[in-house]
Amino acid sequence: MTLSDAPLSDDARTAFLEQHPDWQLHGETISRTFVFEDFSEALGFVVRCGIAAEVVDHHPDIDIRWNKVAIALTTHSSQALSEKDTTVATRLDEIAG
């Protein structure tokens, strides 16, 4: 799957955030913390995140703390938020259920 690393327009950013209210925008980065029952579920989610990221060749920053997984996405090559980020974020929402 080939995704654009061009910076998202303001309208595209707004649309994404309206459709995914659990994600927060901080400059050129979107982030979300997922909460699970325990470490095992959190770790399983991280593994599934890694597989999804490999499919599109775009990798989030991941921080796991017992039952919480914090994800941050930005496109380093363009130093901006891009379609790559919102596509991965959408997929992670799907994985988390």
Protein backbone atom coordinates (compact mmCIF):
# COMPACT_ATOMS: atom_id res chain seq x y z
CA MET A 1 0.00 0.00 0.00
CA THR A 2 1.47 3.36 -1.03
CA LEU A 3 0.43 6.31 1.09
CA SER A 4 1.26 9.97 0.71
CA ASP A 5 3.70 11.66 3.07
CA ALA A 6 2.55 15.13 1.96
CA PRO A 7 1.30 17.30 4.83
CA LEU A 8 -2.44 17.00 5.47
CA SER A 9 -4.62 20.01 4.83
CA ASP A 10 -6.35 21.71 7.74
CA ASP A 11 -9.67 20.28 6.51
CA ALA A 12 -8.26 16.73 6.43
CA ARG A 13 -6.88 17.13 9.96
CA THR A 14 -10.22 18.40 11.24
CA ALA A 15 -12.11 15.58 9.52
CA PHE A 16 -9.80 12.95 11.01
CA LEU A 17 -10.12 14.35 14.53
CA GLU A 18 -13.90 14.56 14.25
CA GLN A 19 -14.06 10.92 13.15
CA HIS A 20 -11.49 9.78 15.74
CA PRO A 21 -12.12 11.83 18.89
CA ASP A 22 -9.78 9.72 21.06
CA TRP A 23 -6.78 11.02 19.10
CA GLN A 24 -5.21 14.34 20.03
CA LEU A 25 -3.25 16.67 17.78
CA HIS A 26 -0.05 18.22 19.13
CA GLY A 27 1.63 20.25 16.40
CA GLU A 28 2.45 17.73 13.67
CA THR A 29 1.84 14.64 15.81
CA ILE A 30 -1.31 12.72 16.67
CA SER A 31 -1.39 10.61 19.82
CA ARG A 32 -3.68 8.34 21.75
CA THR A 33 -3.44 6.14 24.82
CA PHE A 34 -5.17 2.76 24.66
CA VAL A 35 -6.11 1.07 27.94
CA PHE A 36 -6.41 -2.71 28.33
CA GLU A 37 -7.29 -5.16 31.10
CA ASP A 38 -3.69 -6.14 31.79
CA PHE A 39 -0.14 -6.24 30.45
CA SER A 40 -0.77 -9.34 28.35
CA GLU A 41 -3.59 -7.66 26.40
CA ALA A 42 -1.52 -4.49 26.01
CA LEU A 43 1.43 -6.48 24.70
CA GLY A 44 -0.78 -8.37 22.24
CA PHE A 45 -2.04 -5.03 20.94
CA VAL A 46 1.53 -3.81 20.47
CA VAL A 47 2.38 -6.90 18.43
CA ARG A 48 -0.69 -6.36 16.21
CA CYS A 49 0.30 -2.68 15.87
CA GLY A 50 3.73 -3.73 14.68
CA ILE A 51 2.30 -6.03 12.03
CA ALA A 52 -0.11 -3.33 10.80
CA ALA A 53 2.73 -0.80 10.66
CA GLU A 54 4.91 -3.15 8.62
CA VAL A 55 2.12 -3.62 6.06
CA VAL A 56 2.12 0.11 5.24
CA ASP A 57 5.81 0.68 6.09
CA HIS A 58 5.02 3.46 8.55
CA HIS A 59 5.87 2.99 12.19
CA PRO A 60 4.43 4.68 15.27
CA ASP A 61 6.26 5.58 18.44
CA ILE A 62 4.98 3.14 21.07
CA ASP A 63 5.23 3.39 24.85
CA ILE A 64 3.83 0.49 26.90
CA ARG A 65 3.18 0.87 30.63
CA TRP A 66 1.53 -2.20 32.15
CA ASN A 67 -2.03 -1.95 30.73
CA LYS A 68 -1.61 1.31 28.80
CA VAL A 69 -0.17 1.74 25.33
CA ALA A 70 0.61 5.28 24.18
CA ILE A 71 0.92 5.75 20.43
CA ALA A 72 2.32 8.81 18.64
CA LEU A 73 2.36 9.26 14.88
CA THR A 74 4.07 11.81 12.66
CA THR A 75 5.78 11.60 9.30
CA HIS A 76 9.46 12.31 9.86
CA SER A 77 10.32 12.52 6.15
CA SER A 78 8.01 15.52 5.67
CA GLN A 79 8.14 16.72 9.27
CA ALA A 80 4.34 16.88 9.17
CA LEU A 81 1.15 14.98 9.80
CA SER A 82 0.29 12.99 6.69
CA GLU A 83 -2.05 10.38 5.24
CA LYS A 84 0.41 7.77 6.49
CA ASP A 85 -0.28 8.81 10.08
CA THR A 86 -4.06 8.94 9.85
CA THR A 87 -4.19 5.62 7.99
CA VAL A 88 -2.14 3.87 10.67
CA ALA A 89 -4.17 5.55 13.43
CA THR A 90 -7.42 4.37 11.84
CA ARG A 91 -6.07 0.83 11.60
CA LEU A 92 -4.97 0.87 15.25
CA ASP A 93 -8.46 1.98 16.29
CA GLU A 94 -9.84 -1.01 14.37
CA ILE A 95 -7.37 -3.39 16.02
CA ALA A 96 -8.23 -2.10 19.49
CA GLY A 97 -11.92 -2.61 18.75
